[in-house]
N, C-alpha and C. Protein backbone atom coordinates (compact mmCIF):
# COMPACT_ATOMS: atom_id res chain seq x y z
N UNK A 1 -29.44 15.47 56.86
CA UNK A 1 -30.83 15.62 56.43
C UNK A 1 -30.96 16.84 55.53
N UNK A 2 -31.64 16.70 54.38
CA UNK A 2 -31.80 17.80 53.45
C UNK A 2 -32.67 18.90 54.05
N UNK A 3 -32.39 20.11 53.64
CA UNK A 3 -33.20 21.24 54.08
C UNK A 3 -34.63 21.09 53.57
N UNK A 4 -35.57 21.71 54.29
CA UNK A 4 -36.93 21.82 53.79
C UNK A 4 -36.98 22.97 52.79
N UNK A 5 -37.89 22.87 51.84
CA UNK A 5 -38.18 23.98 50.93
C UNK A 5 -39.44 24.68 51.43
N UNK A 6 -39.38 26.00 51.49
CA UNK A 6 -40.53 26.79 51.91
C UNK A 6 -40.81 27.81 50.81
N UNK A 7 -42.01 27.78 50.26
CA UNK A 7 -42.35 28.69 49.18
C UNK A 7 -43.46 29.65 49.62
N UNK A 8 -43.35 30.87 49.16
CA UNK A 8 -44.37 31.89 49.42
C UNK A 8 -44.69 32.54 48.08
N UNK A 9 -45.91 32.33 47.62
CA UNK A 9 -46.33 32.87 46.33
C UNK A 9 -47.33 34.01 46.56
N UNK A 10 -47.24 35.02 45.72
CA UNK A 10 -48.17 36.13 45.86
C UNK A 10 -48.38 36.83 44.53
N UNK A 11 -49.50 37.49 44.43
CA UNK A 11 -49.85 38.24 43.24
C UNK A 11 -50.05 39.69 43.67
N UNK A 12 -49.38 40.60 42.99
CA UNK A 12 -49.46 42.03 43.31
C UNK A 12 -49.78 42.82 42.05
N UNK A 13 -50.51 43.91 42.22
CA UNK A 13 -50.70 44.85 41.12
C UNK A 13 -49.35 45.46 40.77
N UNK A 14 -49.19 45.85 39.52
CA UNK A 14 -47.90 46.35 39.06
C UNK A 14 -47.32 47.47 39.92
N UNK A 15 -48.10 48.47 40.36
CA UNK A 15 -47.51 49.54 41.16
C UNK A 15 -47.02 49.08 42.54
N UNK A 16 -47.50 47.91 42.99
CA UNK A 16 -47.13 47.43 44.32
C UNK A 16 -45.90 46.54 44.32
N UNK A 17 -45.39 46.20 43.14
CA UNK A 17 -44.27 45.27 43.08
C UNK A 17 -42.98 45.91 43.57
N UNK A 18 -42.69 47.13 43.14
CA UNK A 18 -41.45 47.78 43.57
C UNK A 18 -41.39 47.98 45.08
N UNK A 19 -42.43 48.49 45.74
CA UNK A 19 -42.37 48.58 47.20
C UNK A 19 -42.15 47.24 47.87
N UNK A 20 -42.77 46.18 47.34
CA UNK A 20 -42.56 44.85 47.91
C UNK A 20 -41.11 44.44 47.78
N UNK A 21 -40.53 44.63 46.61
CA UNK A 21 -39.15 44.20 46.39
C UNK A 21 -38.17 44.98 47.25
N UNK A 22 -38.42 46.27 47.42
CA UNK A 22 -37.56 47.06 48.31
C UNK A 22 -37.63 46.53 49.74
N UNK A 23 -38.84 46.25 50.20
CA UNK A 23 -39.01 45.70 51.56
C UNK A 23 -38.34 44.34 51.66
N UNK A 24 -38.55 43.51 50.67
CA UNK A 24 -37.99 42.15 50.70
C UNK A 24 -36.47 42.20 50.76
N UNK A 25 -35.85 43.02 49.92
CA UNK A 25 -34.39 43.04 49.82
C UNK A 25 -33.73 43.74 50.99
N UNK A 26 -34.32 44.84 51.46
CA UNK A 26 -33.64 45.66 52.47
C UNK A 26 -34.11 45.40 53.89
N UNK A 27 -35.24 44.71 54.04
CA UNK A 27 -35.72 44.44 55.40
C UNK A 27 -35.98 42.95 55.63
N UNK A 28 -36.83 42.34 54.85
CA UNK A 28 -37.30 40.99 55.16
C UNK A 28 -36.19 39.94 55.03
N UNK A 29 -35.57 39.85 53.88
CA UNK A 29 -34.53 38.84 53.69
C UNK A 29 -33.39 38.98 54.70
N UNK A 30 -32.88 40.20 54.97
CA UNK A 30 -31.84 40.32 56.01
C UNK A 30 -32.32 39.89 57.39
N UNK A 31 -33.60 40.07 57.69
CA UNK A 31 -34.13 39.62 58.98
C UNK A 31 -34.11 38.11 59.12
N UNK A 32 -34.22 37.40 57.99
CA UNK A 32 -34.32 35.94 58.03
C UNK A 32 -32.98 35.25 58.27
N UNK A 33 -31.90 35.90 57.88
CA UNK A 33 -30.58 35.26 57.99
C UNK A 33 -30.22 34.90 59.43
N UNK A 34 -30.36 35.81 60.41
CA UNK A 34 -30.01 35.44 61.78
C UNK A 34 -30.92 34.36 62.37
N UNK A 35 -32.08 34.16 61.77
CA UNK A 35 -33.02 33.15 62.30
C UNK A 35 -32.65 31.74 61.85
N UNK A 36 -31.76 31.63 60.88
CA UNK A 36 -31.36 30.32 60.40
C UNK A 36 -31.84 29.96 59.02
N UNK A 37 -32.53 30.90 58.33
CA UNK A 37 -32.89 30.63 56.95
C UNK A 37 -31.61 30.46 56.14
N UNK A 38 -31.51 29.37 55.41
CA UNK A 38 -30.26 29.02 54.73
C UNK A 38 -30.13 29.66 53.36
N UNK A 39 -31.25 30.00 52.74
CA UNK A 39 -31.22 30.74 51.49
C UNK A 39 -32.58 31.39 51.30
N UNK A 40 -32.61 32.45 50.51
CA UNK A 40 -33.87 33.09 50.16
C UNK A 40 -33.71 33.69 48.77
N UNK A 41 -34.75 33.56 47.96
CA UNK A 41 -34.72 34.11 46.61
C UNK A 41 -36.13 34.46 46.19
N UNK A 42 -36.23 35.47 45.35
CA UNK A 42 -37.52 35.93 44.83
C UNK A 42 -37.45 35.92 43.30
N UNK A 43 -38.47 35.35 42.67
CA UNK A 43 -38.54 35.24 41.22
C UNK A 43 -39.76 35.97 40.69
N UNK A 44 -39.56 36.66 39.57
CA UNK A 44 -40.64 37.35 38.87
C UNK A 44 -41.13 36.46 37.74
N UNK A 45 -42.42 36.30 37.61
CA UNK A 45 -42.95 35.32 36.68
C UNK A 45 -42.69 35.66 35.22
N UNK A 46 -42.45 34.63 34.45
CA UNK A 46 -42.53 34.72 32.99
C UNK A 46 -43.64 33.78 32.52
N UNK A 47 -44.38 33.22 33.47
CA UNK A 47 -45.50 32.34 33.15
C UNK A 47 -45.95 31.63 34.41
N UNK A 48 -47.23 31.75 34.75
CA UNK A 48 -47.73 31.11 35.97
C UNK A 48 -48.95 31.84 36.48
N UNK A 49 -49.46 31.40 37.63
CA UNK A 49 -50.71 31.96 38.12
C UNK A 49 -50.52 33.09 39.13
N UNK A 50 -49.29 33.32 39.60
CA UNK A 50 -48.98 34.46 40.46
C UNK A 50 -47.72 35.13 39.94
N UNK A 51 -47.55 36.42 40.21
CA UNK A 51 -46.43 37.10 39.56
C UNK A 51 -45.13 37.13 40.37
N UNK A 52 -45.16 36.70 41.64
CA UNK A 52 -43.93 36.63 42.44
C UNK A 52 -43.89 35.29 43.16
N UNK A 53 -42.71 34.71 43.21
CA UNK A 53 -42.51 33.41 43.84
C UNK A 53 -41.26 33.48 44.69
N UNK A 54 -41.43 33.38 46.01
CA UNK A 54 -40.30 33.36 46.94
C UNK A 54 -40.02 31.92 47.33
N UNK A 55 -38.76 31.55 47.36
CA UNK A 55 -38.40 30.19 47.76
C UNK A 55 -37.23 30.24 48.74
N UNK A 56 -37.35 29.47 49.80
CA UNK A 56 -36.37 29.47 50.88
C UNK A 56 -35.95 28.03 51.19
N UNK A 57 -34.76 27.90 51.76
CA UNK A 57 -34.33 26.65 52.36
C UNK A 57 -34.23 26.87 53.86
N UNK A 58 -34.85 25.99 54.63
CA UNK A 58 -34.87 26.11 56.08
C UNK A 58 -34.49 24.77 56.70
N UNK A 59 -33.92 24.78 57.92
CA UNK A 59 -33.48 23.52 58.52
C UNK A 59 -34.60 22.65 59.04
N UNK A 60 -35.69 23.25 59.51
CA UNK A 60 -36.77 22.48 60.13
C UNK A 60 -37.99 23.37 60.34
N UNK A 61 -39.10 22.74 60.77
CA UNK A 61 -40.33 23.49 61.03
C UNK A 61 -40.22 24.38 62.26
N UNK A 62 -39.35 24.01 63.19
CA UNK A 62 -39.26 24.72 64.47
C UNK A 62 -38.88 26.19 64.29
N UNK A 63 -38.29 26.51 63.16
CA UNK A 63 -37.84 27.88 62.94
C UNK A 63 -39.00 28.87 63.01
N UNK A 64 -40.21 28.41 62.64
CA UNK A 64 -41.38 29.30 62.65
C UNK A 64 -41.95 29.50 64.05
N UNK A 65 -41.62 28.61 64.97
CA UNK A 65 -42.15 28.71 66.32
C UNK A 65 -41.17 29.38 67.28
N UNK A 66 -39.96 29.67 66.81
CA UNK A 66 -38.94 30.24 67.68
C UNK A 66 -39.21 31.68 68.07
N UNK A 67 -38.60 32.08 69.16
CA UNK A 67 -38.78 33.45 69.65
C UNK A 67 -38.27 34.47 68.64
N UNK A 68 -37.21 34.11 67.92
CA UNK A 68 -36.66 35.05 66.94
C UNK A 68 -37.63 35.36 65.82
N UNK A 69 -38.36 34.35 65.35
CA UNK A 69 -39.33 34.55 64.27
C UNK A 69 -40.48 35.42 64.76
N UNK A 70 -40.92 35.17 65.98
CA UNK A 70 -42.00 35.99 66.54
C UNK A 70 -41.54 37.44 66.73
N UNK A 71 -40.32 37.60 67.19
CA UNK A 71 -39.78 38.94 67.40
C UNK A 71 -39.62 39.68 66.08
N UNK A 72 -39.18 38.96 65.05
CA UNK A 72 -39.04 39.58 63.73
C UNK A 72 -40.38 40.15 63.26
N UNK A 73 -41.44 39.37 63.38
CA UNK A 73 -42.76 39.83 62.95
C UNK A 73 -43.22 41.04 63.74
N UNK A 74 -42.93 41.05 65.04
CA UNK A 74 -43.37 42.16 65.89
C UNK A 74 -42.60 43.44 65.57
N UNK A 75 -41.33 43.30 65.20
CA UNK A 75 -40.48 44.48 64.98
C UNK A 75 -40.66 45.11 63.60
N UNK A 76 -41.08 44.30 62.64
CA UNK A 76 -41.16 44.79 61.27
C UNK A 76 -42.46 45.58 61.08
N UNK A 77 -42.36 46.90 61.17
CA UNK A 77 -43.54 47.76 61.06
C UNK A 77 -43.91 48.06 59.61
N UNK A 78 -43.10 47.58 58.68
CA UNK A 78 -43.38 47.82 57.27
C UNK A 78 -44.20 46.70 56.65
N UNK A 79 -44.10 45.50 57.21
CA UNK A 79 -44.64 44.31 56.55
C UNK A 79 -46.15 44.39 56.34
N UNK A 80 -46.88 44.82 57.34
CA UNK A 80 -48.34 44.77 57.26
C UNK A 80 -48.87 45.56 56.07
N UNK A 81 -48.38 46.78 55.89
CA UNK A 81 -48.87 47.61 54.78
C UNK A 81 -48.47 47.03 53.43
N UNK A 82 -47.26 46.47 53.36
CA UNK A 82 -46.79 45.89 52.10
C UNK A 82 -47.61 44.65 51.75
N UNK A 83 -47.76 43.75 52.71
CA UNK A 83 -48.40 42.47 52.45
C UNK A 83 -49.92 42.58 52.34
N UNK A 84 -50.49 43.66 52.85
CA UNK A 84 -51.93 43.85 52.74
C UNK A 84 -52.37 44.03 51.28
N UNK A 85 -51.42 44.34 50.42
CA UNK A 85 -51.74 44.57 49.01
C UNK A 85 -51.74 43.28 48.18
N UNK A 86 -51.43 42.17 48.80
CA UNK A 86 -51.47 40.90 48.08
C UNK A 86 -52.90 40.58 47.66
N UNK A 87 -53.06 40.17 46.42
CA UNK A 87 -54.37 39.76 45.93
C UNK A 87 -54.59 38.26 46.05
N UNK A 88 -53.53 37.56 46.34
CA UNK A 88 -53.60 36.11 46.50
C UNK A 88 -52.31 35.69 47.18
N UNK A 89 -52.30 34.52 47.80
CA UNK A 89 -51.07 34.06 48.43
C UNK A 89 -51.17 32.56 48.70
N UNK A 90 -50.01 31.94 48.83
CA UNK A 90 -49.93 30.53 49.21
C UNK A 90 -48.56 30.29 49.82
N UNK A 91 -48.54 29.73 51.02
CA UNK A 91 -47.28 29.42 51.71
C UNK A 91 -47.23 27.91 51.94
N UNK A 92 -46.20 27.26 51.45
CA UNK A 92 -46.15 25.80 51.47
C UNK A 92 -44.76 25.32 51.87
N UNK A 93 -44.73 24.24 52.66
CA UNK A 93 -43.47 23.66 53.11
C UNK A 93 -43.36 22.25 52.54
N UNK A 94 -42.18 21.92 52.02
CA UNK A 94 -41.95 20.63 51.38
C UNK A 94 -40.72 19.93 51.97
N UNK A 95 -40.83 18.63 52.10
CA UNK A 95 -39.69 17.78 52.41
C UNK A 95 -38.98 17.44 51.11
N UNK A 96 -37.67 17.61 51.07
CA UNK A 96 -36.92 17.26 49.87
C UNK A 96 -36.57 15.77 49.88
N UNK A 97 -36.55 15.18 48.67
CA UNK A 97 -36.22 13.77 48.53
C UNK A 97 -34.90 13.61 47.79
N UNK A 98 -34.09 12.62 48.18
CA UNK A 98 -32.79 12.42 47.53
C UNK A 98 -32.95 12.01 46.08
N UNK A 99 -32.03 12.49 45.25
CA UNK A 99 -32.06 12.19 43.83
C UNK A 99 -30.71 11.63 43.38
N UNK A 100 -30.75 10.65 42.49
CA UNK A 100 -29.52 10.07 41.93
C UNK A 100 -29.31 10.67 40.54
N UNK A 101 -28.85 11.90 40.53
CA UNK A 101 -28.72 12.62 39.26
C UNK A 101 -27.31 13.15 39.03
N UNK A 102 -26.35 12.59 39.74
CA UNK A 102 -24.96 13.02 39.62
C UNK A 102 -24.88 14.53 39.86
N UNK A 103 -24.41 15.27 38.86
CA UNK A 103 -24.17 16.70 39.07
C UNK A 103 -25.45 17.52 39.17
N UNK A 104 -26.62 16.95 38.81
CA UNK A 104 -27.87 17.71 38.87
C UNK A 104 -28.57 17.59 40.22
N UNK A 105 -28.19 16.63 41.04
CA UNK A 105 -28.79 16.50 42.36
C UNK A 105 -28.34 17.69 43.22
N UNK A 106 -29.21 18.19 44.10
CA UNK A 106 -28.84 19.33 44.94
C UNK A 106 -27.56 19.07 45.73
N UNK A 107 -26.56 19.91 45.50
CA UNK A 107 -25.29 19.80 46.20
C UNK A 107 -24.92 21.10 46.91
N UNK A 108 -25.74 22.10 46.75
CA UNK A 108 -25.49 23.38 47.38
C UNK A 108 -26.80 24.13 47.52
N UNK A 109 -26.73 25.34 48.00
CA UNK A 109 -27.93 26.14 48.18
C UNK A 109 -28.49 26.59 46.84
N UNK A 110 -29.78 26.87 46.83
CA UNK A 110 -30.44 27.32 45.62
C UNK A 110 -29.83 28.63 45.16
N UNK A 111 -29.34 28.66 43.93
CA UNK A 111 -28.65 29.84 43.41
C UNK A 111 -28.78 29.84 41.89
N UNK A 112 -29.97 30.17 41.40
CA UNK A 112 -30.24 30.09 39.96
C UNK A 112 -30.95 31.35 39.50
N UNK A 113 -30.56 31.83 38.32
CA UNK A 113 -31.22 33.01 37.75
C UNK A 113 -32.60 32.67 37.20
N UNK A 114 -32.80 31.41 36.79
CA UNK A 114 -34.07 30.98 36.19
C UNK A 114 -34.57 29.75 36.93
N UNK A 115 -35.89 29.67 37.07
CA UNK A 115 -36.47 28.52 37.75
C UNK A 115 -37.82 28.17 37.11
N UNK A 116 -38.09 26.88 37.02
CA UNK A 116 -39.41 26.39 36.64
C UNK A 116 -39.88 25.48 37.77
N UNK A 117 -41.05 25.75 38.31
CA UNK A 117 -41.58 25.00 39.45
C UNK A 117 -42.87 24.33 39.04
N UNK A 118 -42.90 23.02 39.13
CA UNK A 118 -44.07 22.23 38.77
C UNK A 118 -44.68 21.68 40.05
N UNK A 119 -45.98 21.83 40.21
CA UNK A 119 -46.70 21.23 41.34
C UNK A 119 -47.82 20.36 40.80
N UNK A 120 -48.02 19.21 41.42
CA UNK A 120 -49.07 18.32 40.95
C UNK A 120 -49.44 17.34 42.05
N UNK A 121 -50.66 16.83 41.95
CA UNK A 121 -51.12 15.74 42.82
C UNK A 121 -51.03 14.43 42.06
N UNK A 122 -50.67 13.37 42.78
CA UNK A 122 -50.63 12.04 42.19
C UNK A 122 -50.46 11.02 43.30
N UNK A 123 -50.94 9.81 43.06
CA UNK A 123 -50.75 8.71 44.01
C UNK A 123 -49.38 8.07 43.85
N UNK A 124 -48.60 8.49 42.87
CA UNK A 124 -47.27 7.94 42.65
C UNK A 124 -46.38 8.20 43.87
N UNK A 125 -45.44 7.31 44.13
CA UNK A 125 -44.50 7.48 45.23
C UNK A 125 -43.38 8.42 44.82
N UNK A 126 -42.84 9.15 45.81
CA UNK A 126 -41.74 10.07 45.52
C UNK A 126 -40.54 9.32 44.96
N UNK A 127 -40.30 8.10 45.45
CA UNK A 127 -39.19 7.31 44.94
C UNK A 127 -39.33 6.98 43.47
N UNK A 128 -40.56 6.77 43.02
CA UNK A 128 -40.81 6.49 41.60
C UNK A 128 -40.51 7.71 40.76
N UNK A 129 -40.92 8.89 41.25
CA UNK A 129 -40.61 10.12 40.52
C UNK A 129 -39.10 10.31 40.45
N UNK A 130 -38.40 10.03 41.56
CA UNK A 130 -36.94 10.15 41.58
C UNK A 130 -36.30 9.22 40.55
N UNK A 131 -36.83 8.01 40.42
CA UNK A 131 -36.31 7.06 39.43
C UNK A 131 -36.53 7.56 38.00
N UNK A 132 -37.69 8.15 37.75
CA UNK A 132 -37.97 8.69 36.42
C UNK A 132 -37.02 9.85 36.10
N UNK A 133 -36.76 10.68 37.09
CA UNK A 133 -35.84 11.79 36.88
C UNK A 133 -34.44 11.27 36.55
N UNK A 134 -34.02 10.22 37.28
CA UNK A 134 -32.70 9.64 37.04
C UNK A 134 -32.61 8.99 35.67
N UNK A 135 -33.75 8.56 35.13
CA UNK A 135 -33.76 7.91 33.82
C UNK A 135 -33.79 8.87 32.65
N UNK A 136 -34.03 10.16 32.92
CA UNK A 136 -34.06 11.16 31.86
C UNK A 136 -32.63 11.47 31.40
N UNK A 137 -32.50 11.84 30.13
CA UNK A 137 -31.21 12.30 29.59
C UNK A 137 -31.15 13.82 29.73
N UNK A 138 -30.47 14.28 30.75
CA UNK A 138 -30.40 15.70 31.02
C UNK A 138 -29.19 16.37 30.36
N UNK A 139 -28.36 15.58 29.70
CA UNK A 139 -27.16 16.13 29.08
C UNK A 139 -27.54 17.18 28.03
N UNK A 140 -26.97 18.36 28.17
CA UNK A 140 -27.25 19.43 27.23
C UNK A 140 -28.60 20.07 27.39
N UNK A 141 -29.30 19.77 28.49
CA UNK A 141 -30.65 20.33 28.69
C UNK A 141 -30.62 21.79 29.12
N UNK A 142 -29.48 22.25 29.65
CA UNK A 142 -29.41 23.61 30.18
C UNK A 142 -29.90 23.72 31.60
N UNK A 143 -30.33 22.63 32.19
CA UNK A 143 -30.77 22.62 33.59
C UNK A 143 -29.60 22.25 34.47
N UNK A 144 -29.35 23.05 35.50
CA UNK A 144 -28.18 22.87 36.36
C UNK A 144 -28.49 22.07 37.62
N UNK A 145 -29.72 22.14 38.12
CA UNK A 145 -30.05 21.47 39.36
C UNK A 145 -31.54 21.16 39.40
N UNK A 146 -31.89 20.05 40.02
CA UNK A 146 -33.28 19.61 40.14
C UNK A 146 -33.57 19.27 41.58
N UNK A 147 -34.73 19.69 42.06
CA UNK A 147 -35.16 19.36 43.42
C UNK A 147 -36.55 18.74 43.36
N UNK A 148 -36.76 17.75 44.20
CA UNK A 148 -38.04 17.07 44.30
C UNK A 148 -38.49 17.10 45.75
N UNK A 149 -39.75 17.48 45.96
CA UNK A 149 -40.26 17.52 47.33
C UNK A 149 -41.73 17.16 47.38
N UNK A 150 -42.18 16.83 48.60
CA UNK A 150 -43.59 16.59 48.85
C UNK A 150 -44.01 17.42 50.05
N UNK A 151 -45.28 17.81 50.03
CA UNK A 151 -45.78 18.66 51.11
C UNK A 151 -45.65 17.98 52.46
N UNK A 152 -45.32 18.79 53.44
CA UNK A 152 -45.22 18.29 54.80
C UNK A 152 -46.05 19.20 55.70
N UNK A 153 -45.79 19.19 57.00
CA UNK A 153 -46.57 19.99 57.94
C UNK A 153 -46.63 21.44 57.49
N UNK A 154 -47.81 22.03 57.55
CA UNK A 154 -47.97 23.41 57.08
C UNK A 154 -47.34 24.42 58.02
N UNK A 155 -47.14 25.61 57.50
CA UNK A 155 -46.73 26.77 58.31
C UNK A 155 -47.75 26.93 59.44
N UNK A 156 -47.31 27.30 60.65
CA UNK A 156 -48.25 27.39 61.77
C UNK A 156 -49.32 28.47 61.62
N UNK A 157 -49.11 29.44 60.75
CA UNK A 157 -50.09 30.52 60.56
C UNK A 157 -50.72 30.46 59.18
N UNK A 158 -49.90 30.32 58.16
CA UNK A 158 -50.39 30.39 56.79
C UNK A 158 -50.82 29.01 56.29
N UNK A 159 -51.98 28.97 55.69
CA UNK A 159 -52.45 27.73 55.09
C UNK A 159 -52.07 27.68 53.61
N UNK A 160 -52.26 26.54 53.00
CA UNK A 160 -51.92 26.39 51.59
C UNK A 160 -52.91 25.46 50.91
N UNK A 161 -53.10 25.68 49.62
CA UNK A 161 -53.94 24.78 48.83
C UNK A 161 -53.13 24.13 47.72
N UNK A 162 -51.80 24.17 47.84
CA UNK A 162 -50.94 23.68 46.77
C UNK A 162 -50.91 22.15 46.73
N UNK A 163 -50.67 21.59 45.54
CA UNK A 163 -50.64 20.13 45.40
C UNK A 163 -49.51 19.48 46.20
N UNK A 164 -49.54 18.17 46.20
CA UNK A 164 -48.62 17.38 47.04
C UNK A 164 -47.16 17.49 46.60
N UNK A 165 -46.89 17.40 45.29
CA UNK A 165 -45.52 17.34 44.80
C UNK A 165 -45.04 18.71 44.34
N UNK A 166 -43.73 18.93 44.51
CA UNK A 166 -43.05 20.07 43.90
C UNK A 166 -41.82 19.54 43.18
N UNK A 167 -41.61 20.04 41.98
CA UNK A 167 -40.43 19.70 41.19
C UNK A 167 -39.84 21.02 40.70
N UNK A 168 -38.62 21.29 41.11
CA UNK A 168 -37.96 22.55 40.77
C UNK A 168 -36.82 22.29 39.80
N UNK A 169 -36.89 22.92 38.64
CA UNK A 169 -35.83 22.85 37.63
C UNK A 169 -35.12 24.20 37.62
N UNK A 170 -33.81 24.20 37.77
CA UNK A 170 -33.07 25.44 37.98
C UNK A 170 -31.92 25.58 36.98
N UNK A 171 -31.69 26.80 36.53
CA UNK A 171 -30.59 27.06 35.61
C UNK A 171 -30.22 28.52 35.62
N UNK A 172 -29.21 28.87 34.87
CA UNK A 172 -28.77 30.26 34.82
C UNK A 172 -29.48 31.05 33.73
N UNK A 173 -30.16 30.36 32.83
CA UNK A 173 -31.01 31.02 31.84
C UNK A 173 -32.05 30.00 31.38
N UNK A 174 -33.07 30.48 30.70
CA UNK A 174 -34.13 29.58 30.26
C UNK A 174 -33.61 28.67 29.16
N UNK A 175 -33.60 27.34 29.40
CA UNK A 175 -33.08 26.43 28.38
C UNK A 175 -33.98 26.38 27.15
N UNK A 176 -33.36 26.21 26.01
CA UNK A 176 -34.14 26.01 24.78
C UNK A 176 -34.88 24.68 24.87
N UNK A 177 -36.12 24.68 24.48
CA UNK A 177 -36.89 23.45 24.47
C UNK A 177 -37.32 22.97 25.83
N UNK A 178 -37.27 23.85 26.84
CA UNK A 178 -37.60 23.39 28.20
C UNK A 178 -39.06 22.98 28.32
N UNK A 179 -39.96 23.62 27.57
CA UNK A 179 -41.36 23.26 27.68
C UNK A 179 -41.60 21.83 27.23
N UNK A 180 -40.90 21.40 26.19
CA UNK A 180 -41.02 20.02 25.72
C UNK A 180 -40.49 19.06 26.78
N UNK A 181 -39.41 19.45 27.46
CA UNK A 181 -38.84 18.63 28.53
C UNK A 181 -39.85 18.47 29.67
N UNK A 182 -40.49 19.57 30.04
CA UNK A 182 -41.47 19.55 31.13
C UNK A 182 -42.66 18.67 30.76
N UNK A 183 -43.16 18.83 29.54
CA UNK A 183 -44.32 18.05 29.11
C UNK A 183 -44.01 16.56 29.06
N UNK A 184 -42.81 16.21 28.58
CA UNK A 184 -42.42 14.80 28.52
C UNK A 184 -42.29 14.22 29.93
N UNK A 185 -41.71 15.00 30.83
CA UNK A 185 -41.52 14.54 32.20
C UNK A 185 -42.86 14.31 32.88
N UNK A 186 -43.81 15.22 32.72
CA UNK A 186 -45.13 15.06 33.32
C UNK A 186 -45.88 13.88 32.71
N UNK A 187 -45.69 13.66 31.43
CA UNK A 187 -46.33 12.50 30.79
C UNK A 187 -45.78 11.20 31.37
N UNK A 188 -44.46 11.15 31.57
CA UNK A 188 -43.84 9.94 32.12
C UNK A 188 -44.33 9.66 33.54
N UNK A 189 -44.44 10.72 34.34
CA UNK A 189 -44.94 10.55 35.71
C UNK A 189 -46.41 10.13 35.67
N UNK A 190 -47.18 10.79 34.80
CA UNK A 190 -48.61 10.48 34.70
C UNK A 190 -48.87 9.06 34.23
N UNK A 191 -47.92 8.48 33.50
CA UNK A 191 -48.09 7.10 33.06
C UNK A 191 -48.02 6.12 34.23
N UNK A 192 -47.36 6.53 35.31
CA UNK A 192 -47.27 5.69 36.52
C UNK A 192 -48.52 5.82 37.38
N UNK A 193 -49.04 7.03 37.46
CA UNK A 193 -50.28 7.31 38.19
C UNK A 193 -50.80 8.65 37.71
N UNK A 194 -52.10 8.79 37.49
CA UNK A 194 -52.64 10.03 36.93
C UNK A 194 -52.26 11.27 37.75
N UNK A 195 -52.04 12.37 37.04
CA UNK A 195 -51.73 13.65 37.68
C UNK A 195 -52.98 14.52 37.69
N UNK A 196 -53.11 15.34 38.72
CA UNK A 196 -54.20 16.31 38.79
C UNK A 196 -53.69 17.58 39.43
N UNK A 197 -54.48 18.64 39.35
CA UNK A 197 -54.15 19.95 39.93
C UNK A 197 -52.74 20.38 39.56
N UNK A 198 -52.44 20.37 38.28
CA UNK A 198 -51.11 20.73 37.83
C UNK A 198 -50.96 22.26 37.80
N UNK A 199 -49.95 22.76 38.49
CA UNK A 199 -49.67 24.19 38.54
C UNK A 199 -48.21 24.41 38.15
N UNK A 200 -47.98 25.35 37.26
CA UNK A 200 -46.63 25.64 36.82
C UNK A 200 -46.28 27.10 37.10
N UNK A 201 -45.04 27.32 37.52
CA UNK A 201 -44.52 28.67 37.63
C UNK A 201 -43.16 28.68 36.96
N UNK A 202 -42.92 29.72 36.17
CA UNK A 202 -41.59 29.92 35.59
C UNK A 202 -41.20 31.37 35.78
N UNK A 203 -39.97 31.61 36.21
CA UNK A 203 -39.59 32.99 36.46
C UNK A 203 -38.10 33.24 36.45
N UNK A 204 -37.78 34.53 36.47
CA UNK A 204 -36.40 35.01 36.53
C UNK A 204 -36.13 35.60 37.90
N UNK A 205 -34.93 35.36 38.42
CA UNK A 205 -34.58 35.84 39.76
C UNK A 205 -34.43 37.36 39.77
N UNK A 206 -35.03 37.97 40.78
CA UNK A 206 -34.86 39.40 40.97
C UNK A 206 -34.25 39.71 42.34
N UNK A 207 -34.24 38.73 43.26
CA UNK A 207 -33.49 38.85 44.52
C UNK A 207 -32.98 37.46 44.89
N UNK A 208 -31.69 37.36 45.24
CA UNK A 208 -30.64 38.36 45.05
C UNK A 208 -30.49 38.72 43.57
N UNK A 209 -29.81 39.83 43.33
CA UNK A 209 -29.63 40.23 41.94
C UNK A 209 -29.10 39.06 41.13
N UNK A 210 -29.64 38.88 39.93
CA UNK A 210 -29.19 37.76 39.09
C UNK A 210 -27.74 37.94 38.66
N UNK A 211 -27.11 36.82 38.33
CA UNK A 211 -25.73 36.87 37.83
C UNK A 211 -25.65 37.55 36.48
N UNK A 212 -26.73 37.43 35.72
CA UNK A 212 -26.78 38.04 34.38
C UNK A 212 -27.68 39.27 34.44
N UNK A 213 -27.14 40.46 34.22
CA UNK A 213 -27.94 41.69 34.39
C UNK A 213 -29.22 41.72 33.56
N UNK A 214 -29.22 41.08 32.39
CA UNK A 214 -30.41 41.11 31.54
C UNK A 214 -31.61 40.49 32.24
N UNK A 215 -31.37 39.62 33.23
CA UNK A 215 -32.46 38.97 33.93
C UNK A 215 -33.07 39.85 35.00
N UNK A 216 -32.49 41.03 35.24
CA UNK A 216 -32.93 41.88 36.34
C UNK A 216 -34.09 42.79 35.98
N UNK A 217 -34.50 42.80 34.72
CA UNK A 217 -35.58 43.70 34.31
C UNK A 217 -36.86 43.41 35.07
N UNK A 218 -37.54 44.46 35.52
CA UNK A 218 -38.78 44.31 36.27
C UNK A 218 -39.91 44.98 35.48
């Protein structure tokens, strides 16, 4: 069974970003590993409605109800002051759907310096979106991996207002012409059933450190 995707989005004033990143890298992310979080990454926006986007892979919803997760929250005396500075937030859990994309289908943990995340509502079936993705010519696109998910049971504490679908395009750098690829893909999906509440995020990885140092600028 594929891992669930768990996203945490937040908007911080510029002076509050460095303290958040220090906490995330030196306290929060290391706390998550013993709990069973399979991957964690933080992206800084190059376009979108919030300036930080955290994305995780988790085995199941039960991880949030476990004693370890509760203990982590109780022990972390830094989190409250750091997170109180958020001006906005959204925490969302998605079920991943299988894709027939050969080398672009998820075959390992999320590990990309660049990411574009599309969210949208539509009556279209996830299988239909998967078929459209498989029908695209991704050769030479610069995209290394694609993930498709739909919202599932919410986090037990945090609510979300995010749309039903998530589509994650991942690569080691921003591909040339990626905006045209995104627009064409959304048009193809919209032709099957109208899209609404479209939200886009694009960003560069800042945790873990990117493979390419130029992407580490904050």
